[in-house]
Amino acid sequence: MGLILLQFLEMLKRLPNFCAQLQKEEIFAKPVDSSGIPFHSPVMQLVREEMLTAMRSVVPEPKPRSLKWISSSIPESQWDEDLALHCSADYHVNNACSPVLFYEALQKIPPNAITIEIAPHALMQAILRRSLQKTCVNVGLMNSKAEEELPAFLQNLGKIYQAGASVHVEKLYPQVPMPVPLDTPMISPWWKWDHSQDWPVIDGRLAGSGGSGAVPASASYTIDPFSADSKETFLLDHVIDGRVLYPFTGYMILAWKTLCKLKGLDHLKTAVIFEDINVYNATILSKPIRLDVVISPGHGQFEILEGDQLASSGRIYIPDEKQEFYYNNLKDIKTSEIADRTELDTDDAYKEFLLSWL
């Protein structure tokens, strides 16, 4: 045991130089203060039995683990074994003595997850940002560099709430018996407007179109196919049951344009993914109409409103994969021999458009 301990101390001395070498090679590396305990290394096997005895006094009875519990100490091929199925003293000791399968565990995190790091230093934030999709929200509850830890903790709870999770902050305070005594002071006199800074006020819709943070952003579109110089006169040909209707796919186009507008992108050159599309009302084009598109940048949820009526909703987001979406040269598009022999007249083309709700 003494020889192994000396070898470990020698490795510990080399750690700063090893991290510096990795950083020169542009590999993320950072030493972690583990209080002198080499967790997740073979050295821990020396105290495995002592740890197991102590842990069994803390976790005397194994309990079934939740399906949402992603193990980073046991390979997925062994998740059906008894050790992986229960929260037990053996599981936690095995965790401390085994290497961390962090990359494999991250692959199980869904693309719209909110990850919450419960640790004193929040060391994993950089790794989470690099490894997870951009649609994930990563929050570290504690910040060792914060001048005041409590306000920083509460701010991080606010970030979790902004991301869409329910935060029961009342659990942080002592329970108040009801009804309260008659002499309980009112809290309203304690609320004061903070006039220490001046904030310019602009039109609310213009403010919303910025699309920053989790605040819903909006854009408005006027659809007028009746004017002489309109570029939307083709919409008048979309007739169903004798009525001129705004095409359902038009809602998707508006959501597409709005998302790309918020990101500063050209929608004709930006691939997007639609999910959970719902259409609630048919929009009749008997006069110029106005459609408002509201998008939540954090989640990609969108709603399209005609006045006070919800016309359509769904989810839209830009995929992470850098895929080619358009061709700079139309001659580069490969067509089949059948397509070369296919000819459509005007009636056939309009029929196909009609069947596709275009």
Protein backbone atom coordinates (compact mmCIF):
# COMPACT_ATOMS: atom_id res chain seq x y z
CA MET A 1 0.00 0.00 0.00
CA GLY A 2 2.89 2.36 0.81
CA LEU A 3 4.40 1.84 -2.66
CA ILE A 4 1.08 2.58 -4.37
CA LEU A 5 0.64 5.70 -2.26
CA LEU A 6 4.11 6.95 -3.22
CA GLN A 7 3.32 6.34 -6.88
CA PHE A 8 0.11 8.29 -6.48
CA LEU A 9 1.90 11.24 -4.85
CA GLU A 10 4.44 11.24 -7.67
CA MET A 11 1.60 11.35 -10.23
CA LEU A 12 0.00 14.19 -8.28
CA LYS A 13 3.17 16.28 -8.61
CA ARG A 14 3.11 15.79 -12.39
CA LEU A 15 -0.54 16.80 -12.74
CA PRO A 16 -0.03 20.58 -13.32
CA ASN A 17 2.51 19.94 -16.09
CA PHE A 18 0.23 17.32 -17.64
CA CYS A 19 -2.72 19.74 -17.70
CA ALA A 20 -0.54 22.48 -19.17
CA GLN A 21 0.58 20.16 -21.96
CA LEU A 22 -3.04 19.25 -22.80
CA GLN A 23 -4.02 22.93 -22.87
CA LYS A 24 -1.18 23.64 -25.33
CA GLU A 25 -2.69 20.97 -27.57
CA GLU A 26 -6.07 22.78 -27.27
CA ILE A 27 -7.54 19.96 -25.19
CA PHE A 28 -9.77 21.14 -22.36
CA ALA A 29 -8.09 20.19 -19.07
CA LYS A 30 -8.44 21.57 -15.57
CA PRO A 31 -7.22 20.18 -12.24
CA VAL A 32 -10.01 19.47 -9.75
CA ASP A 33 -9.52 19.80 -6.02
CA SER A 34 -10.69 16.47 -4.58
CA SER A 35 -9.33 17.12 -1.05
CA GLY A 36 -6.52 14.65 -1.64
CA ILE A 37 -8.86 11.74 -2.32
CA PRO A 38 -8.26 10.07 -5.73
CA PHE A 39 -11.88 9.29 -6.58
CA HIS A 40 -12.59 7.12 -9.65
CA SER A 41 -9.05 5.72 -9.73
CA PRO A 42 -7.60 2.23 -9.00
CA VAL A 43 -6.13 3.60 -5.75
CA MET A 44 -9.65 3.63 -4.25
CA GLN A 45 -9.71 -0.18 -4.37
CA LEU A 46 -7.41 -0.16 -1.32
CA VAL A 47 -10.19 1.24 0.87
CA ARG A 48 -13.14 -0.35 -0.92
CA GLU A 49 -14.17 -2.63 1.96
CA GLU A 50 -13.88 0.14 4.56
CA MET A 51 -15.97 2.43 2.34
CA LEU A 52 -18.57 -0.28 1.86
CA THR A 53 -18.93 -0.82 5.61
CA ALA A 54 -19.36 2.90 6.25
CA MET A 55 -21.73 3.39 3.31
CA ARG A 56 -24.01 0.57 4.47
CA SER A 57 -24.65 2.52 7.65
CA VAL A 58 -25.83 5.45 5.49
CA VAL A 59 -27.76 3.44 2.87
CA PRO A 60 -28.82 0.29 4.73
CA GLU A 61 -31.64 -0.71 2.36
CA PRO A 62 -31.25 -0.65 -1.45
CA LYS A 63 -33.98 1.21 -3.30
CA PRO A 64 -34.94 0.92 -7.00
CA ARG A 65 -33.40 3.64 -9.12
CA SER A 66 -35.58 5.87 -11.29
CA LEU A 67 -35.56 5.34 -15.05
CA LYS A 68 -34.41 8.97 -15.33
CA TRP A 69 -31.24 8.17 -13.38
CA ILE A 70 -28.46 7.94 -15.97
CA SER A 71 -25.54 5.97 -14.58
CA SER A 72 -22.05 7.23 -15.42
CA SER A 73 -20.20 4.51 -13.51
CA ILE A 74 -21.70 1.36 -15.04
CA PRO A 75 -21.58 0.61 -18.81
CA GLU A 76 -24.96 0.56 -20.53
CA SER A 77 -24.50 -3.12 -21.34
CA GLN A 78 -24.74 -3.83 -17.59
CA TRP A 79 -27.72 -1.60 -16.76
CA ASP A 80 -29.97 -4.65 -16.38
CA GLU A 81 -27.85 -6.10 -13.59
CA ASP A 82 -28.83 -5.80 -9.93
CA LEU A 83 -25.98 -3.38 -9.13
CA ALA A 84 -27.25 -0.87 -11.70
CA LEU A 85 -30.94 -1.24 -10.87
CA HIS A 86 -30.72 -0.13 -7.24
CA CYS A 87 -29.47 2.83 -5.25
CA SER A 88 -27.38 0.98 -2.70
CA ALA A 89 -24.16 1.15 -0.74
CA ASP A 90 -22.53 -1.15 -3.30
CA TYR A 91 -23.58 1.18 -6.14
CA HIS A 92 -22.07 4.30 -4.53
CA VAL A 93 -18.84 2.55 -3.58
CA ASN A 94 -18.54 1.17 -7.11
CA ASN A 95 -19.11 4.72 -8.39
CA ALA A 96 -16.24 6.09 -6.29
CA CYS A 97 -13.89 3.31 -7.42
CA SER A 98 -14.76 3.28 -11.14
CA PRO A 99 -13.85 5.63 -14.00
CA VAL A 100 -16.50 8.17 -15.01
CA LEU A 101 -18.28 7.32 -18.27
CA PHE A 102 -19.25 10.95 -18.72
CA TYR A 103 -19.35 11.04 -22.52
CA GLU A 104 -21.58 7.97 -22.68
CA ALA A 105 -23.95 9.48 -20.11
CA LEU A 106 -24.22 12.76 -22.02
CA GLN A 107 -25.50 10.90 -25.07
CA LYS A 108 -28.65 10.04 -23.10
CA ILE A 109 -29.56 13.67 -22.38
CA PRO A 110 -32.41 14.83 -24.67
CA PRO A 111 -31.93 17.92 -26.89
CA ASN A 112 -34.32 20.16 -24.90
CA ALA A 113 -33.13 19.25 -21.41
CA ILE A 114 -32.37 21.61 -18.55
CA THR A 115 -29.17 20.40 -16.88
CA ILE A 116 -28.61 21.51 -13.27
CA GLU A 117 -25.14 21.02 -11.81
CA ILE A 118 -25.26 20.60 -8.04
CA ALA A 119 -21.66 21.11 -6.97
CA PRO A 120 -19.64 23.75 -5.06
CA HIS A 121 -17.68 24.96 -8.09
CA ALA A 122 -19.80 24.19 -11.19
CA LEU A 123 -16.77 22.82 -13.01
CA MET A 124 -18.77 20.94 -15.63
CA GLN A 125 -20.41 23.97 -17.29
CA ALA A 126 -17.77 24.35 -20.01
CA ILE A 127 -17.92 20.63 -20.82
CA LEU A 128 -21.72 20.65 -20.91
CA ARG A 129 -21.77 23.62 -23.29
CA ARG A 130 -19.32 21.88 -25.62
CA SER A 131 -20.96 18.45 -25.49
CA LEU A 132 -24.72 19.07 -25.46
CA GLN A 133 -26.89 20.58 -28.15
CA LYS A 134 -27.44 24.32 -28.18
CA THR A 135 -31.11 23.81 -27.34
CA CYS A 136 -30.14 22.57 -23.86
CA VAL A 137 -30.05 25.00 -20.93
CA ASN A 138 -27.13 24.43 -18.54
CA VAL A 139 -27.25 25.93 -15.04
CA GLY A 140 -24.68 25.61 -12.26
CA LEU A 141 -26.33 26.33 -8.91
CA MET A 142 -23.15 27.35 -7.07
CA ASN A 143 -20.38 29.73 -8.10
CA SER A 144 -17.27 29.74 -5.94
CA LYS A 145 -16.08 32.98 -7.57
CA ALA A 146 -19.22 34.93 -6.66
CA GLU A 147 -18.73 37.68 -4.10
CA GLU A 148 -22.07 36.79 -2.50
CA GLU A 149 -23.10 33.18 -2.90
CA LEU A 150 -26.76 33.50 -1.89
CA PRO A 151 -27.75 36.09 -4.57
CA ALA A 152 -25.86 34.04 -7.16
CA PHE A 153 -27.76 30.92 -6.09
CA LEU A 154 -31.12 32.71 -6.37
CA GLN A 155 -30.16 34.11 -9.80
CA ASN A 156 -29.46 30.58 -11.01
CA LEU A 157 -32.86 29.47 -9.73
CA GLY A 158 -34.29 32.29 -11.85
CA LYS A 159 -32.47 30.94 -14.91
CA ILE A 160 -34.07 27.56 -14.32
CA TYR A 161 -37.48 29.22 -14.14
CA GLN A 162 -36.82 31.21 -17.32
CA ALA A 163 -35.94 27.95 -19.07
CA GLY A 164 -39.45 26.67 -18.37
CA ALA A 165 -39.10 24.61 -15.18
CA SER A 166 -41.32 25.09 -12.14
CA VAL A 167 -39.31 26.36 -9.17
CA HIS A 168 -41.03 26.20 -5.77
CA VAL A 169 -39.07 28.98 -4.04
CA GLU A 170 -41.47 28.90 -1.09
CA LYS A 171 -39.58 25.82 0.09
CA LEU A 172 -36.61 28.09 0.87
CA TYR A 173 -38.53 29.94 3.58
CA PRO A 174 -40.05 28.85 6.89
CA GLN A 175 -43.66 27.75 6.64
CA VAL A 176 -46.06 30.52 7.62
CA PRO A 177 -49.05 29.39 9.70
CA MET A 178 -52.38 30.57 8.37
CA PRO A 179 -54.17 32.76 9.18
CA VAL A 180 -51.41 35.19 10.05
CA PRO A 181 -51.73 37.34 13.20
CA LEU A 182 -53.52 40.67 12.82
CA ASP A 183 -50.38 42.61 13.72
CA THR A 184 -48.37 41.06 10.86
CA PRO A 185 -46.85 44.00 8.93
CA MET A 186 -47.69 44.44 5.25
CA ILE A 187 -44.87 43.88 2.78
CA SER A 188 -46.18 46.31 0.16
CA PRO A 189 -44.59 49.42 1.80
CA TRP A 190 -41.20 47.73 1.45
CA TRP A 191 -41.43 47.62 -2.33
CA LYS A 192 -39.90 50.71 -3.92
CA TRP A 193 -39.13 51.68 -7.50
CA ASP A 194 -35.40 51.71 -8.23
CA HIS A 195 -34.67 54.99 -10.04
CA SER A 196 -30.88 54.69 -9.86
CA GLN A 197 -30.71 53.92 -13.60
CA ASP A 198 -32.48 55.29 -16.66
CA TRP A 199 -33.89 52.77 -19.12
CA PRO A 200 -35.01 54.04 -22.55
CA VAL A 201 -38.46 52.75 -23.45
CA ILE A 202 -39.28 51.66 -27.01
CA ASP A 203 -42.26 50.07 -28.66
CA GLY A 204 -43.00 46.69 -27.09
CA ARG A 205 -43.21 44.86 -30.41
CA LEU A 206 -39.85 46.24 -31.48
CA ALA A 207 -38.38 45.15 -28.16
CA GLY A 208 -39.79 41.67 -28.61
CA SER A 209 -38.32 41.26 -32.08
CA GLY A 210 -34.83 41.20 -30.57
CA GLY A 211 -35.32 37.64 -29.45
CA SER A 212 -32.80 37.67 -26.61
CA GLY A 213 -32.94 35.25 -23.71
CA ALA A 214 -36.13 33.35 -23.04
CA VAL A 215 -38.45 36.33 -23.67
CA PRO A 216 -40.85 35.51 -26.51
CA ALA A 217 -40.08 37.46 -29.68
CA SER A 218 -42.69 38.48 -32.21
CA ALA A 219 -43.08 39.70 -35.76
CA SER A 220 -46.14 40.85 -37.69
CA TYR A 221 -46.98 40.22 -41.33
CA THR A 222 -49.64 41.90 -43.45
CA ILE A 223 -51.04 39.61 -46.13
CA ASP A 224 -52.60 41.67 -48.92
CA PRO A 225 -53.04 39.80 -52.22
CA PHE A 226 -55.59 42.35 -53.46
CA SER A 227 -53.37 45.38 -54.18
CA ALA A 228 -52.16 45.93 -57.73
CA ASP A 229 -48.46 45.79 -56.82
CA SER A 230 -48.79 42.82 -54.44
CA LYS A 231 -46.39 39.90 -54.80
CA GLU A 232 -48.92 37.63 -53.11
CA THR A 233 -51.67 37.60 -55.74
CA PHE A 234 -51.03 33.88 -56.26
CA LEU A 235 -52.79 33.29 -52.93
CA LEU A 236 -56.10 34.16 -54.58
CA ASP A 237 -55.81 30.92 -56.57
CA HIS A 238 -55.88 28.85 -53.38
CA VAL A 239 -59.61 28.16 -53.39
CA ILE A 240 -61.19 25.37 -51.34
CA ASP A 241 -64.96 24.84 -51.27
CA GLY A 242 -65.43 28.17 -53.00
CA ARG A 243 -63.45 30.12 -50.40
CA VAL A 244 -60.03 31.73 -50.76
CA LEU A 245 -57.99 30.37 -47.83
CA TYR A 246 -54.54 31.24 -46.61
CA PRO A 247 -52.48 28.03 -47.12
CA PHE A 248 -51.63 26.08 -43.99
CA THR A 249 -48.03 25.81 -45.17
CA GLY A 250 -47.98 29.61 -45.20
CA TYR A 251 -48.02 29.51 -41.40
CA MET A 252 -44.85 27.42 -41.46
CA ILE A 253 -43.19 29.86 -43.87
CA LEU A 254 -43.97 32.77 -41.52
CA ALA A 255 -42.52 30.90 -38.53
CA TRP A 256 -39.45 30.05 -40.64
CA LYS A 257 -38.95 33.70 -41.66
CA THR A 258 -39.43 34.93 -38.10
CA LEU A 259 -36.91 32.53 -36.58
CA CYS A 260 -34.28 33.42 -39.18
CA LYS A 261 -35.01 37.12 -38.69
CA LEU A 262 -34.27 36.77 -34.97
CA LYS A 263 -31.02 34.93 -35.74
CA GLY A 264 -29.99 37.34 -38.51
CA LEU A 265 -30.04 34.57 -41.12
CA ASP A 266 -31.36 34.19 -44.66
CA HIS A 267 -34.31 31.81 -44.39
CA LEU A 268 -33.78 30.62 -47.97
CA LYS A 269 -30.35 29.36 -46.96
CA THR A 270 -31.19 28.04 -43.49
CA ALA A 271 -32.50 24.56 -42.79
CA VAL A 272 -35.05 24.25 -40.00
CA ILE A 273 -36.95 21.43 -38.34
CA PHE A 274 -40.67 21.63 -37.56
CA GLU A 275 -42.31 19.53 -34.87
CA ASP A 276 -45.83 19.19 -33.43
CA ILE A 277 -47.52 21.44 -36.02
CA ASN A 278 -51.15 22.23 -35.21
CA VAL A 279 -53.63 24.28 -37.29
CA TYR A 280 -56.70 25.47 -35.43
CA ASN A 281 -58.54 27.79 -37.81
CA ALA A 282 -58.74 28.35 -41.55
CA THR A 283 -57.86 31.94 -42.41
CA ILE A 284 -60.22 33.31 -45.07
CA LEU A 285 -58.72 35.84 -47.48
CA SER A 286 -61.67 38.16 -48.10
CA LYS A 287 -59.63 41.24 -47.22
CA PRO A 288 -56.06 42.08 -46.18
CA ILE A 289 -55.17 40.27 -42.96
CA ARG A 290 -52.50 40.61 -40.33
CA LEU A 291 -50.78 37.58 -38.79
CA ASP A 292 -48.62 37.85 -35.66
CA VAL A 293 -45.90 35.25 -35.07
CA VAL A 294 -44.63 34.75 -31.50
CA ILE A 295 -41.57 32.54 -30.92
CA SER A 296 -39.89 31.53 -27.67
CA PRO A 297 -36.16 31.55 -28.59
CA GLY A 298 -35.19 29.17 -25.79
CA HIS A 299 -37.60 26.40 -26.73
CA GLY A 300 -38.57 27.17 -30.33
CA GLN A 301 -42.28 27.02 -29.52
CA PHE A 302 -44.26 29.33 -31.80
CA GLU A 303 -47.81 30.59 -32.11
CA ILE A 304 -49.43 32.37 -35.04
CA LEU A 305 -52.32 34.67 -34.22
CA GLU A 306 -54.97 36.28 -36.38
CA GLY A 307 -56.22 39.03 -34.13
CA ASP A 308 -57.11 37.31 -30.86
CA GLN A 309 -57.57 33.90 -32.48
CA LEU A 310 -54.86 31.22 -32.41
CA ALA A 311 -54.38 30.03 -35.99
CA SER A 312 -51.43 27.67 -35.66
CA SER A 313 -48.76 26.50 -33.22
CA GLY A 314 -45.79 24.18 -33.14
CA ARG A 315 -42.06 24.06 -32.63
CA ILE A 316 -39.26 25.17 -34.93
CA TYR A 317 -35.51 25.08 -34.48
CA ILE A 318 -32.29 25.12 -36.48
CA PRO A 319 -30.48 21.73 -36.44
CA ASP A 320 -26.89 21.53 -35.26
CA GLU A 321 -25.75 19.54 -38.29
CA LYS A 322 -24.08 21.68 -40.93
CA GLN A 323 -25.96 20.32 -43.89
CA GLU A 324 -26.09 21.75 -47.40
CA PHE A 325 -29.53 23.23 -47.90
CA TYR A 326 -29.37 24.99 -51.25
CA TYR A 327 -27.41 24.89 -54.49
CA ASN A 328 -25.38 27.83 -55.74
CA ASN A 329 -25.67 26.39 -59.22
CA LEU A 330 -28.96 24.81 -60.24
CA LYS A 331 -27.08 22.66 -62.75
CA ASP A 332 -25.54 20.79 -59.81
CA ILE A 333 -28.95 19.32 -58.90
CA LYS A 334 -29.12 15.72 -60.07
CA THR A 335 -32.46 14.60 -61.45
CA SER A 336 -33.60 11.14 -62.40
CA GLU A 337 -34.29 10.04 -65.95
CA ILE A 338 -37.98 9.75 -65.09
CA ALA A 339 -38.04 13.40 -63.99
CA ASP A 340 -36.52 14.44 -67.31
CA ARG A 341 -39.41 12.80 -69.16
CA THR A 342 -42.18 14.17 -66.90
CA GLU A 343 -44.10 17.18 -68.16
CA LEU A 344 -46.90 18.99 -66.34
CA ASP A 345 -49.29 21.47 -67.88
CA THR A 346 -50.74 24.39 -65.94
CA ASP A 347 -53.76 22.48 -64.64
CA ASP A 348 -51.62 19.58 -63.45
CA ALA A 349 -49.21 21.91 -61.67
CA TYR A 350 -52.02 23.76 -59.88
CA LYS A 351 -53.56 20.44 -58.88
CA GLU A 352 -50.29 19.31 -57.29
CA PHE A 353 -49.99 22.65 -55.49
CA LEU A 354 -53.55 22.35 -54.25
CA LEU A 355 -53.00 18.84 -52.91
CA SER A 356 -49.87 20.07 -51.14
CA TRP A 357 -51.74 23.06 -49.61
CA LEU A 358 -49.53 25.51 -51.46
